[in-house]
Amino acid sequence: MRWLALAGLLAAALPASAAAQEEEARGRPEVVDIEFVGNQTFPTDTLKRAIVNRETECRTVFLAPLCALRVDFADDRRYFNANEFFRDAIRLRLYYWQRGYREAQVDTAGRTAAPDQVGLTFTIDEGRPVLVDSIAVIGGGDLADPSLLEDLPLRRGQPLNGLLIEATRDTLEGRLHDRGYAHALVLLRTDLPRGTYSATVTFDVDPGPRVRFGPVTIVGNDELSETVVHRMLGFSEGDPYSTSRILDAQRNLFSLEIVQYARVDTVPTAELDTIIPMRIEVTETYEYRVRTGAGWSTADCLTTEARWSARNFGGGARRLVVRGRLANVLAENLHEPFCPDAGVGVYGRLNWLVSADFTQPWIFSPRNSLSFAL
């Protein structure tokens, strides 16, 4: 079959040698231009990224004047790789094949631009695309819910794009997992009658049972109490399973300054188990932190600042930050010549600031916090 032959050629085409790409230009001509002829569906810039051979380009627009003068360091010089030239044609055929153009043909040609320079030409006959005639989603679960099937990547009337088919399957599985079907699987089938250009894509959904969160195990917490971790999760044992709630829980834990690392994960269970235990892994950073600094400027003369932070103040992952700052230190004495812009007299007195910031991270919900500043 033609597609099996193409797959065989692909196997030879994909593993482009890294050594060949890194080989210095010893006797190889420089590629000064790559041209695509006949490509109507996909732009040239996109097709250039699908092949191995590259053309010499200016490293950045800021070096354009130097590139015009052919200054070596300004150009990113690329040299012709004859071994990959044939494979590039196969790569382009595969590129079109994956996106529904099963009859695409690619011819290659090289042209001499100068004794040590070549241009490459890829002539493409895209052919007629295979279109998606219908999309069927069958099976159980929440298929009666219209939102499950809204805005899927693959749509009727589009070319038979294998990448969009896989994306649609992943989207369906992800939405089912988020609705409590943690073991959901989506199988796909593509029917393309011989000699036609219309395909039927069928997604067969096996949702499995609805799942709930099981017991929650917390590890790695020393100063942070399990009560705080539990309430920041946003779910508890017995709640309906949801992947988005797991992501929210991990985000909520990361929002606590005392938490340096957090991972919310499921514990493997028997196949199609309706209760999934959860494992929460937490790594804490230092509970207290002290920072000090000093500086000098012509306006404030000598300055100094200190900050003390408590990331688990009074428990509950509360945060308290106390900051003190002094400015205009020795402004009168050092006015000339070190602080000429500092004030004198009443304006040369010591300036000071003391502030405190308090944050309570949980108020009736992990989404709410309360802050005070003095």
Foldseek 3Di string as FASTA:
>chain_A
DVVVVLVVLLVVLPPDDPCLQVDDPDVFFWAAAEEEAPDDPDDPVVLQVQFDFDHKDFPDPVCVVVVVVVDPVRIPITTDDVVRQVSSQSSVQVVLVLQFQPPKGWDKDWDDPDPRYIYIYIYIDSHDGQFEQEEAEDDDDVPVDVVLVPPQQDDGGGGNHNVSLVSNQVSNQQVLQQVQLVQKHWDKDWDDDPPDRYIYIYIYIDSFDGAWEAAEAEDADDQADVVLLVQLLQDHGPHTGGPVSQVSSQVLQVVQQQWPHKHKDWDDDPPSDRYIYIYIYTHTDDQKDKDKDWDADLAFGIKIKIKIWGQQVVHQRKIKMKMKMKTLVCCAVPCPPRRVNYDDDVRSDIDMDIKMKIKRCDDPHNVDIDMDMD
